[in-house]
Amino acid sequence: MQDLTHNIVVNNSIINAVKTAGANGTTVDLKGFEEATAIVDVGAEGDTLSGSIYFEISLEHSDDNSTFTDLVQADVINGTIAAGGIWLKLDGTTDGDPGTTGGDWQIGYVGGKRYLRLVLAKAGTHSNGTPISGVIVKSRPRVAPKSNTIHNA
């Protein structure tokens, strides 16, 4: 019997903190894995998110860990990529509302490049901030078992 724990490795890309600004996440090296899933966890919004005050989260990938490009729809499963590689807009609407309790969102990556990272962008003034973190779960290892420890990329 196989278990999930020895077939995935979890890497932080966006370290959990109250965010008031945008930033590039830490790059995750996918060497030795066929797929990955990006998971973003958002706490209760500190500022009322709206059409003018929001966060966008996108994914970028690279062959060389130097030149990154935005993902396109063919690079993902179980989600939709918009222009600029954006797959999540936290703007207080139904699909992007962390509200008072927070929420989790995920998208699968099958783009085939070696390096992957989350990117957090913001619009408007975020005075109080919103807790946001993002991990990339590497899966379908070419050689298993793998350690199940969370790694900082």
N, C-alpha and C. Protein backbone atom coordinates (compact mmCIF):
# COMPACT_ATOMS: atom_id res chain seq x y z
N MET A 1 0.83 -1.18 0.00
CA MET A 1 0.00 0.00 0.00
C MET A 1 0.88 1.25 0.00
N GLN A 2 0.54 2.19 -0.85
CA GLN A 2 1.26 3.46 -0.88
C GLN A 2 0.49 4.50 -0.08
N ASP A 3 1.23 5.41 0.48
CA ASP A 3 0.60 6.51 1.20
C ASP A 3 1.01 7.84 0.57
N LEU A 4 0.19 8.84 0.74
CA LEU A 4 0.45 10.16 0.17
C LEU A 4 1.68 10.81 0.78
N THR A 5 1.87 10.63 2.07
CA THR A 5 2.94 11.30 2.79
C THR A 5 4.31 11.09 2.16
N HIS A 6 4.58 9.90 1.66
CA HIS A 6 5.89 9.62 1.09
C HIS A 6 5.94 9.86 -0.42
N ASN A 7 4.92 10.50 -0.97
CA ASN A 7 4.88 10.78 -2.40
C ASN A 7 4.71 12.25 -2.71
N ILE A 8 4.87 13.09 -1.68
CA ILE A 8 4.80 14.54 -1.87
C ILE A 8 5.90 15.21 -1.05
N VAL A 9 6.25 16.43 -1.44
CA VAL A 9 7.13 17.29 -0.65
C VAL A 9 6.51 18.68 -0.69
N VAL A 10 6.37 19.30 0.47
CA VAL A 10 5.75 20.61 0.60
C VAL A 10 6.83 21.67 0.75
N ASN A 11 6.77 22.72 -0.08
CA ASN A 11 7.72 23.83 -0.01
C ASN A 11 6.97 25.14 0.18
N ASN A 12 7.46 25.99 1.09
CA ASN A 12 6.91 27.34 1.23
C ASN A 12 7.34 28.18 0.04
N SER A 13 6.43 28.97 -0.49
CA SER A 13 6.77 29.95 -1.51
C SER A 13 6.47 31.35 -0.98
N ILE A 14 5.29 31.53 -0.40
CA ILE A 14 4.95 32.79 0.27
C ILE A 14 4.86 32.47 1.76
N ILE A 15 5.80 32.99 2.53
CA ILE A 15 5.84 32.73 3.97
C ILE A 15 4.64 33.39 4.63
N ASN A 16 4.00 32.67 5.54
CA ASN A 16 2.82 33.15 6.23
C ASN A 16 3.11 34.43 7.01
N ALA A 17 2.39 35.50 6.67
CA ALA A 17 2.52 36.79 7.36
C ALA A 17 1.36 37.67 6.94
N VAL A 18 1.13 38.72 7.70
CA VAL A 18 0.13 39.71 7.32
C VAL A 18 0.74 40.55 6.19
N LYS A 19 0.10 40.55 5.04
CA LYS A 19 0.65 41.20 3.84
C LYS A 19 -0.03 42.54 3.59
N THR A 20 0.79 43.55 3.34
CA THR A 20 0.30 44.86 2.92
C THR A 20 0.92 45.25 1.58
N ALA A 21 1.84 44.43 1.07
CA ALA A 21 2.53 44.73 -0.18
C ALA A 21 2.68 43.47 -1.01
N GLY A 22 3.00 43.64 -2.27
CA GLY A 22 3.24 42.52 -3.16
C GLY A 22 4.66 42.02 -3.03
N ALA A 23 4.92 40.81 -3.52
CA ALA A 23 6.26 40.23 -3.50
C ALA A 23 6.30 38.97 -4.33
N ASN A 24 7.49 38.65 -4.84
CA ASN A 24 7.71 37.36 -5.48
C ASN A 24 7.91 36.32 -4.40
N GLY A 25 7.28 35.17 -4.57
CA GLY A 25 7.48 34.08 -3.64
C GLY A 25 8.82 33.43 -3.87
N THR A 26 9.23 32.61 -2.93
CA THR A 26 10.47 31.85 -3.06
C THR A 26 10.28 30.79 -4.14
N THR A 27 11.29 30.61 -4.95
CA THR A 27 11.24 29.63 -6.03
C THR A 27 11.34 28.21 -5.48
N VAL A 28 10.56 27.31 -6.07
CA VAL A 28 10.59 25.90 -5.70
C VAL A 28 11.14 25.11 -6.89
N ASP A 29 12.14 24.27 -6.61
CA ASP A 29 12.76 23.42 -7.62
C ASP A 29 11.95 22.13 -7.73
N LEU A 30 11.41 21.88 -8.90
CA LEU A 30 10.56 20.70 -9.12
C LEU A 30 11.34 19.49 -9.63
N LYS A 31 12.67 19.56 -9.62
CA LYS A 31 13.49 18.46 -10.13
C LYS A 31 13.09 17.15 -9.43
N GLY A 32 12.84 16.14 -10.24
CA GLY A 32 12.48 14.83 -9.72
C GLY A 32 10.99 14.61 -9.53
N PHE A 33 10.16 15.60 -9.90
CA PHE A 33 8.72 15.49 -9.74
C PHE A 33 8.02 15.81 -11.06
N GLU A 34 6.89 15.18 -11.28
CA GLU A 34 6.13 15.36 -12.51
C GLU A 34 5.06 16.44 -12.40
N GLU A 35 4.54 16.70 -11.21
CA GLU A 35 3.45 17.65 -11.02
C GLU A 35 3.64 18.42 -9.73
N ALA A 36 2.85 19.49 -9.59
CA ALA A 36 2.84 20.26 -8.36
C ALA A 36 1.46 20.89 -8.19
N THR A 37 1.14 21.22 -6.95
CA THR A 37 -0.10 21.92 -6.64
C THR A 37 0.26 23.14 -5.81
N ALA A 38 -0.22 24.30 -6.22
CA ALA A 38 -0.03 25.53 -5.44
C ALA A 38 -1.25 25.69 -4.55
N ILE A 39 -1.02 25.93 -3.27
CA ILE A 39 -2.10 26.13 -2.31
C ILE A 39 -1.86 27.45 -1.60
N VAL A 40 -2.87 28.30 -1.62
CA VAL A 40 -2.80 29.59 -0.93
C VAL A 40 -3.81 29.59 0.20
N ASP A 41 -3.33 29.97 1.37
CA ASP A 41 -4.18 30.06 2.56
C ASP A 41 -4.26 31.53 2.94
N VAL A 42 -5.49 32.00 3.15
CA VAL A 42 -5.72 33.41 3.45
C VAL A 42 -6.52 33.51 4.74
N GLY A 43 -6.03 34.33 5.65
CA GLY A 43 -6.75 34.57 6.89
C GLY A 43 -7.82 35.64 6.71
N ALA A 44 -8.44 36.01 7.79
CA ALA A 44 -9.48 37.04 7.75
C ALA A 44 -8.89 38.34 7.24
N GLU A 45 -9.58 38.95 6.28
CA GLU A 45 -9.07 40.18 5.67
C GLU A 45 -8.99 41.29 6.71
N GLY A 46 -7.85 41.99 6.73
CA GLY A 46 -7.66 43.10 7.65
C GLY A 46 -8.18 44.40 7.10
N ASP A 47 -8.28 44.48 5.80
CA ASP A 47 -8.86 45.63 5.09
C ASP A 47 -10.04 45.09 4.29
N THR A 48 -11.06 45.87 4.11
CA THR A 48 -12.20 45.42 3.31
C THR A 48 -11.77 45.34 1.86
N LEU A 49 -11.72 44.12 1.34
CA LEU A 49 -11.30 43.91 -0.04
C LEU A 49 -12.44 44.28 -0.98
N SER A 50 -12.06 44.84 -2.13
CA SER A 50 -13.07 45.34 -3.08
C SER A 50 -12.47 45.39 -4.47
N GLY A 51 -13.19 45.99 -5.39
CA GLY A 51 -12.72 46.16 -6.76
C GLY A 51 -11.52 47.09 -6.88
N SER A 52 -11.24 47.88 -5.84
CA SER A 52 -10.09 48.78 -5.87
C SER A 52 -9.03 48.45 -4.82
N ILE A 53 -9.37 47.57 -3.89
CA ILE A 53 -8.41 47.11 -2.87
C ILE A 53 -8.42 45.59 -2.91
N TYR A 54 -7.38 45.01 -3.47
CA TYR A 54 -7.35 43.56 -3.64
C TYR A 54 -5.93 43.04 -3.77
N PHE A 55 -5.80 41.74 -3.68
CA PHE A 55 -4.56 41.02 -3.97
C PHE A 55 -4.80 40.12 -5.16
N GLU A 56 -3.78 39.96 -6.00
CA GLU A 56 -3.80 38.97 -7.08
C GLU A 56 -2.63 38.02 -6.86
N ILE A 57 -2.91 36.76 -7.06
CA ILE A 57 -1.87 35.76 -6.92
C ILE A 57 -1.70 35.06 -8.26
N SER A 58 -0.46 35.04 -8.72
CA SER A 58 -0.17 34.41 -10.00
C SER A 58 0.93 33.37 -9.82
N LEU A 59 1.15 32.61 -10.85
CA LEU A 59 2.20 31.60 -10.88
C LEU A 59 3.12 31.90 -12.05
N GLU A 60 4.42 31.74 -11.79
CA GLU A 60 5.44 31.88 -12.83
C GLU A 60 6.31 30.64 -12.82
N HIS A 61 6.83 30.29 -14.00
CA HIS A 61 7.74 29.15 -14.07
C HIS A 61 8.97 29.49 -14.90
N SER A 62 10.00 28.65 -14.77
CA SER A 62 11.28 28.94 -15.41
C SER A 62 12.03 27.64 -15.66
N ASP A 63 12.85 27.65 -16.71
CA ASP A 63 13.75 26.54 -16.97
C ASP A 63 15.08 26.70 -16.23
N ASP A 64 15.46 27.97 -15.93
CA ASP A 64 16.80 28.26 -15.41
C ASP A 64 16.84 28.97 -14.06
N ASN A 65 15.70 29.19 -13.41
CA ASN A 65 15.61 29.90 -12.13
C ASN A 65 16.10 31.34 -12.25
N SER A 66 16.04 31.88 -13.45
CA SER A 66 16.48 33.25 -13.68
C SER A 66 15.44 34.04 -14.47
N THR A 67 15.01 33.47 -15.59
CA THR A 67 14.02 34.10 -16.45
C THR A 67 12.68 33.41 -16.23
N PHE A 68 11.73 34.12 -15.60
CA PHE A 68 10.43 33.57 -15.29
C PHE A 68 9.38 34.09 -16.26
N THR A 69 8.43 33.23 -16.61
CA THR A 69 7.30 33.62 -17.45
C THR A 69 6.00 33.23 -16.76
N ASP A 70 4.95 33.97 -17.10
CA ASP A 70 3.63 33.69 -16.55
C ASP A 70 3.10 32.37 -17.09
N LEU A 71 2.37 31.65 -16.26
CA LEU A 71 1.71 30.44 -16.72
C LEU A 71 0.56 30.80 -17.65
N VAL A 72 0.22 29.87 -18.51
CA VAL A 72 -0.96 29.98 -19.38
C VAL A 72 -1.87 28.79 -19.05
N GLN A 73 -3.05 28.79 -19.61
CA GLN A 73 -4.05 27.77 -19.26
C GLN A 73 -3.55 26.34 -19.47
N ALA A 74 -2.77 26.10 -20.50
CA ALA A 74 -2.27 24.75 -20.77
C ALA A 74 -1.32 24.24 -19.68
N ASP A 75 -0.81 25.13 -18.83
CA ASP A 75 0.13 24.76 -17.77
C ASP A 75 -0.56 24.28 -16.49
N VAL A 76 -1.90 24.39 -16.42
CA VAL A 76 -2.58 24.08 -15.17
C VAL A 76 -3.75 23.12 -15.37
N ILE A 77 -4.11 22.49 -14.26
CA ILE A 77 -5.34 21.69 -14.19
C ILE A 77 -6.10 22.15 -12.96
N ASN A 78 -7.39 21.94 -12.97
CA ASN A 78 -8.23 22.28 -11.82
C ASN A 78 -8.18 23.76 -11.49
N GLY A 79 -8.22 24.59 -12.51
CA GLY A 79 -8.21 26.03 -12.28
C GLY A 79 -8.15 26.80 -13.58
N THR A 80 -8.25 28.10 -13.47
CA THR A 80 -8.24 28.97 -14.64
C THR A 80 -7.14 30.02 -14.48
N ILE A 81 -6.36 30.19 -15.52
CA ILE A 81 -5.31 31.20 -15.54
C ILE A 81 -5.78 32.36 -16.41
N ALA A 82 -5.70 33.57 -15.86
CA ALA A 82 -6.03 34.79 -16.59
C ALA A 82 -4.73 35.41 -17.11
N ALA A 83 -4.85 36.51 -17.82
CA ALA A 83 -3.68 37.24 -18.31
C ALA A 83 -2.74 37.52 -17.15
N GLY A 84 -1.45 37.44 -17.41
CA GLY A 84 -0.45 37.70 -16.38
C GLY A 84 -0.24 36.52 -15.45
N GLY A 85 -0.78 35.35 -15.80
CA GLY A 85 -0.61 34.18 -14.96
C GLY A 85 -1.46 34.20 -13.70
N ILE A 86 -2.40 35.13 -13.62
CA ILE A 86 -3.21 35.29 -12.41
C ILE A 86 -4.23 34.16 -12.30
N TRP A 87 -4.27 33.51 -11.15
CA TRP A 87 -5.26 32.45 -10.93
C TRP A 87 -6.15 32.72 -9.73
N LEU A 88 -5.81 33.75 -8.94
CA LEU A 88 -6.63 34.06 -7.77
C LEU A 88 -6.64 35.56 -7.55
N LYS A 89 -7.83 36.12 -7.46
CA LYS A 89 -7.99 37.54 -7.14
C LYS A 89 -8.81 37.63 -5.87
N LEU A 90 -8.19 38.14 -4.82
CA LEU A 90 -8.85 38.30 -3.53
C LEU A 90 -9.41 39.71 -3.47
N ASP A 91 -10.70 39.82 -3.84
CA ASP A 91 -11.31 41.14 -3.96
C ASP A 91 -12.66 41.25 -3.26
N GLY A 92 -12.95 40.29 -2.40
CA GLY A 92 -14.19 40.36 -1.65
C GLY A 92 -15.41 39.83 -2.38
N THR A 93 -15.24 39.35 -3.61
CA THR A 93 -16.37 38.77 -4.34
C THR A 93 -16.52 37.31 -3.95
N THR A 94 -17.53 36.66 -4.47
CA THR A 94 -17.82 35.28 -4.09
C THR A 94 -16.62 34.36 -4.27
N ASP A 95 -15.92 34.43 -5.40
CA ASP A 95 -14.81 33.53 -5.65
C ASP A 95 -13.50 33.97 -5.00
N GLY A 96 -13.43 35.19 -4.54
CA GLY A 96 -12.20 35.70 -3.96
C GLY A 96 -12.43 36.40 -2.64
N ASP A 97 -13.23 35.81 -1.78
CA ASP A 97 -13.59 36.44 -0.51
C ASP A 97 -13.11 35.63 0.68
N PRO A 98 -12.01 36.06 1.33
CA PRO A 98 -11.60 35.37 2.54
C PRO A 98 -12.52 35.70 3.72
N GLY A 99 -13.23 36.82 3.63
CA GLY A 99 -14.20 37.19 4.66
C GLY A 99 -13.60 37.26 6.05
N THR A 100 -14.39 36.91 7.04
CA THR A 100 -13.94 37.01 8.43
C THR A 100 -13.28 35.75 8.93
N THR A 101 -13.33 34.67 8.15
CA THR A 101 -12.75 33.41 8.62
C THR A 101 -11.58 32.93 7.76
N GLY A 102 -11.39 33.51 6.60
CA GLY A 102 -10.30 33.08 5.73
C GLY A 102 -10.75 32.01 4.75
N GLY A 103 -9.80 31.51 3.97
CA GLY A 103 -10.11 30.49 2.98
C GLY A 103 -8.85 29.90 2.38
N ASP A 104 -9.02 28.82 1.61
CA ASP A 104 -7.92 28.14 0.93
C ASP A 104 -8.29 27.98 -0.53
N TRP A 105 -7.29 28.14 -1.39
CA TRP A 105 -7.47 27.95 -2.83
C TRP A 105 -6.30 27.13 -3.34
N GLN A 106 -6.55 26.32 -4.38
CA GLN A 106 -5.47 25.53 -4.96
C GLN A 106 -5.63 25.40 -6.46
N ILE A 107 -4.49 25.13 -7.11
CA ILE A 107 -4.46 24.92 -8.56
C ILE A 107 -3.32 23.95 -8.87
N GLY A 108 -3.53 23.07 -9.85
CA GLY A 108 -2.52 22.08 -10.22
C GLY A 108 -1.63 22.57 -11.34
N TYR A 109 -0.35 22.27 -11.24
CA TYR A 109 0.64 22.66 -12.26
C TYR A 109 1.14 21.44 -13.01
N VAL A 110 1.10 21.49 -14.34
CA VAL A 110 1.62 20.41 -15.18
C VAL A 110 2.46 20.98 -16.33
N GLY A 111 2.98 22.19 -16.14
CA GLY A 111 3.67 22.92 -17.22
C GLY A 111 5.00 22.37 -17.65
N GLY A 112 5.65 21.56 -16.83
CA GLY A 112 6.86 20.89 -17.27
C GLY A 112 8.16 21.64 -17.09
N LYS A 113 8.15 22.83 -16.55
CA LYS A 113 9.41 23.54 -16.31
C LYS A 113 9.94 23.16 -14.93
N ARG A 114 11.21 23.42 -14.70
CA ARG A 114 11.85 22.95 -13.47
C ARG A 114 11.53 23.82 -12.25
N TYR A 115 11.35 25.11 -12.43
CA TYR A 115 11.17 26.02 -11.30
C TYR A 115 9.79 26.66 -11.33
N LEU A 116 9.22 26.84 -10.14
CA LEU A 116 7.87 27.39 -10.01
C LEU A 116 7.84 28.30 -8.80
N ARG A 117 7.10 29.42 -8.91
CA ARG A 117 6.93 30.30 -7.76
C ARG A 117 5.59 31.01 -7.83
N LEU A 118 5.09 31.35 -6.65
CA LEU A 118 3.89 32.17 -6.51
C LEU A 118 4.32 33.63 -6.51
N VAL A 119 3.45 34.49 -7.02
CA VAL A 119 3.70 35.93 -7.01
C VAL A 119 2.47 36.61 -6.44
N LEU A 120 2.69 37.49 -5.48
CA LEU A 120 1.62 38.25 -4.83
C LEU A 120 1.70 39.70 -5.28
N ALA A 121 0.61 40.20 -5.85
CA ALA A 121 0.54 41.61 -6.26
C ALA A 121 -0.63 42.25 -5.51
N LYS A 122 -0.53 43.54 -5.27
CA LYS A 122 -1.61 44.22 -4.57
C LYS A 122 -2.05 45.46 -5.33
N ALA A 123 -3.31 45.83 -5.12
CA ALA A 123 -3.85 47.07 -5.68
C ALA A 123 -4.54 47.81 -4.54
N GLY A 124 -4.40 49.11 -4.52
CA GLY A 124 -5.02 49.91 -3.48
C GLY A 124 -4.17 49.95 -2.22
N THR A 125 -4.69 50.62 -1.21
CA THR A 125 -3.99 50.77 0.06
C THR A 125 -4.44 49.69 1.04
N HIS A 126 -3.49 48.95 1.53
CA HIS A 126 -3.74 47.89 2.51
C HIS A 126 -3.11 48.34 3.82
N SER A 127 -3.85 49.04 4.64
CA SER A 127 -3.34 49.58 5.89
C SER A 127 -3.14 48.52 6.96
N ASN A 128 -4.11 47.62 7.11
CA ASN A 128 -4.06 46.60 8.16
C ASN A 128 -3.47 45.29 7.67
N GLY A 129 -3.58 45.04 6.38
CA GLY A 129 -3.04 43.81 5.80
C GLY A 129 -3.96 42.62 5.96
N THR A 130 -3.60 41.56 5.28
CA THR A 130 -4.35 40.31 5.29
C THR A 130 -3.34 39.17 5.40
N PRO A 131 -3.55 38.22 6.31
CA PRO A 131 -2.64 37.09 6.41
C PRO A 131 -2.73 36.20 5.16
N ILE A 132 -1.60 35.99 4.52
CA ILE A 132 -1.55 35.17 3.30
C ILE A 132 -0.30 34.30 3.35
N SER A 133 -0.46 33.04 2.97
CA SER A 133 0.68 32.15 2.80
C SER A 133 0.44 31.30 1.57
N GLY A 134 1.52 30.78 1.01
CA GLY A 134 1.39 29.92 -0.16
C GLY A 134 2.45 28.84 -0.16
N VAL A 135 2.01 27.62 -0.41
CA VAL A 135 2.93 26.51 -0.52
C VAL A 135 2.80 25.87 -1.89
N ILE A 136 3.85 25.21 -2.29
CA ILE A 136 3.83 24.41 -3.51
C ILE A 136 4.12 22.98 -3.09
N VAL A 137 3.16 22.10 -3.39
CA VAL A 137 3.28 20.68 -3.04
C VAL A 137 3.74 19.94 -4.29
N LYS A 138 4.95 19.42 -4.23
CA LYS A 138 5.49 18.64 -5.34
C LYS A 138 4.94 17.22 -5.24
N SER A 139 4.51 16.66 -6.39
CA SER A 139 3.91 15.33 -6.37
C SER A 139 4.34 14.52 -7.59
N ARG A 140 3.95 13.26 -7.57
CA ARG A 140 4.35 12.28 -8.59
C ARG A 140 5.87 12.23 -8.73
N PRO A 141 6.55 11.85 -7.63
CA PRO A 141 8.02 11.79 -7.69
C PRO A 141 8.48 10.70 -8.64
N ARG A 142 9.60 10.96 -9.28
CA ARG A 142 10.18 9.94 -10.16
C ARG A 142 10.77 8.80 -9.34
N VAL A 143 11.21 9.12 -8.10
CA VAL A 143 11.73 8.11 -7.17
C VAL A 143 11.07 8.37 -5.82
N ALA A 144 10.45 7.36 -5.26
CA ALA A 144 9.80 7.49 -3.95
C ALA A 144 10.37 6.41 -3.04
N PRO A 145 10.29 6.53 -1.73
CA PRO A 145 9.54 7.53 -0.97
C PRO A 145 10.33 8.82 -0.79
N LYS A 146 9.58 9.88 -0.49
CA LYS A 146 10.14 11.20 -0.23
C LYS A 146 9.87 11.57 1.22
N SER A 147 10.64 12.51 1.73
CA SER A 147 10.41 13.03 3.07
C SER A 147 9.17 13.90 3.06
N ASN A 148 8.40 13.89 4.12
CA ASN A 148 7.19 14.71 4.18
C ASN A 148 7.38 15.99 4.98
N THR A 149 8.61 16.40 5.20
CA THR A 149 8.91 17.60 5.94
C THR A 149 8.63 18.82 5.07
N ILE A 150 8.09 19.88 5.68
CA ILE A 150 7.90 21.13 4.95
C ILE A 150 9.26 21.78 4.78
N HIS A 151 9.55 22.19 3.55
CA HIS A 151 10.83 22.80 3.23
C HIS A 151 10.63 24.26 2.87
N ASN A 152 11.55 25.10 3.31
CA ASN A 152 11.62 26.44 2.76
C ASN A 152 12.46 26.31 1.50
N ALA A 153 11.86 26.72 0.39
CA ALA A 153 12.52 26.54 -0.91
C ALA A 153 13.82 27.22 -0.95
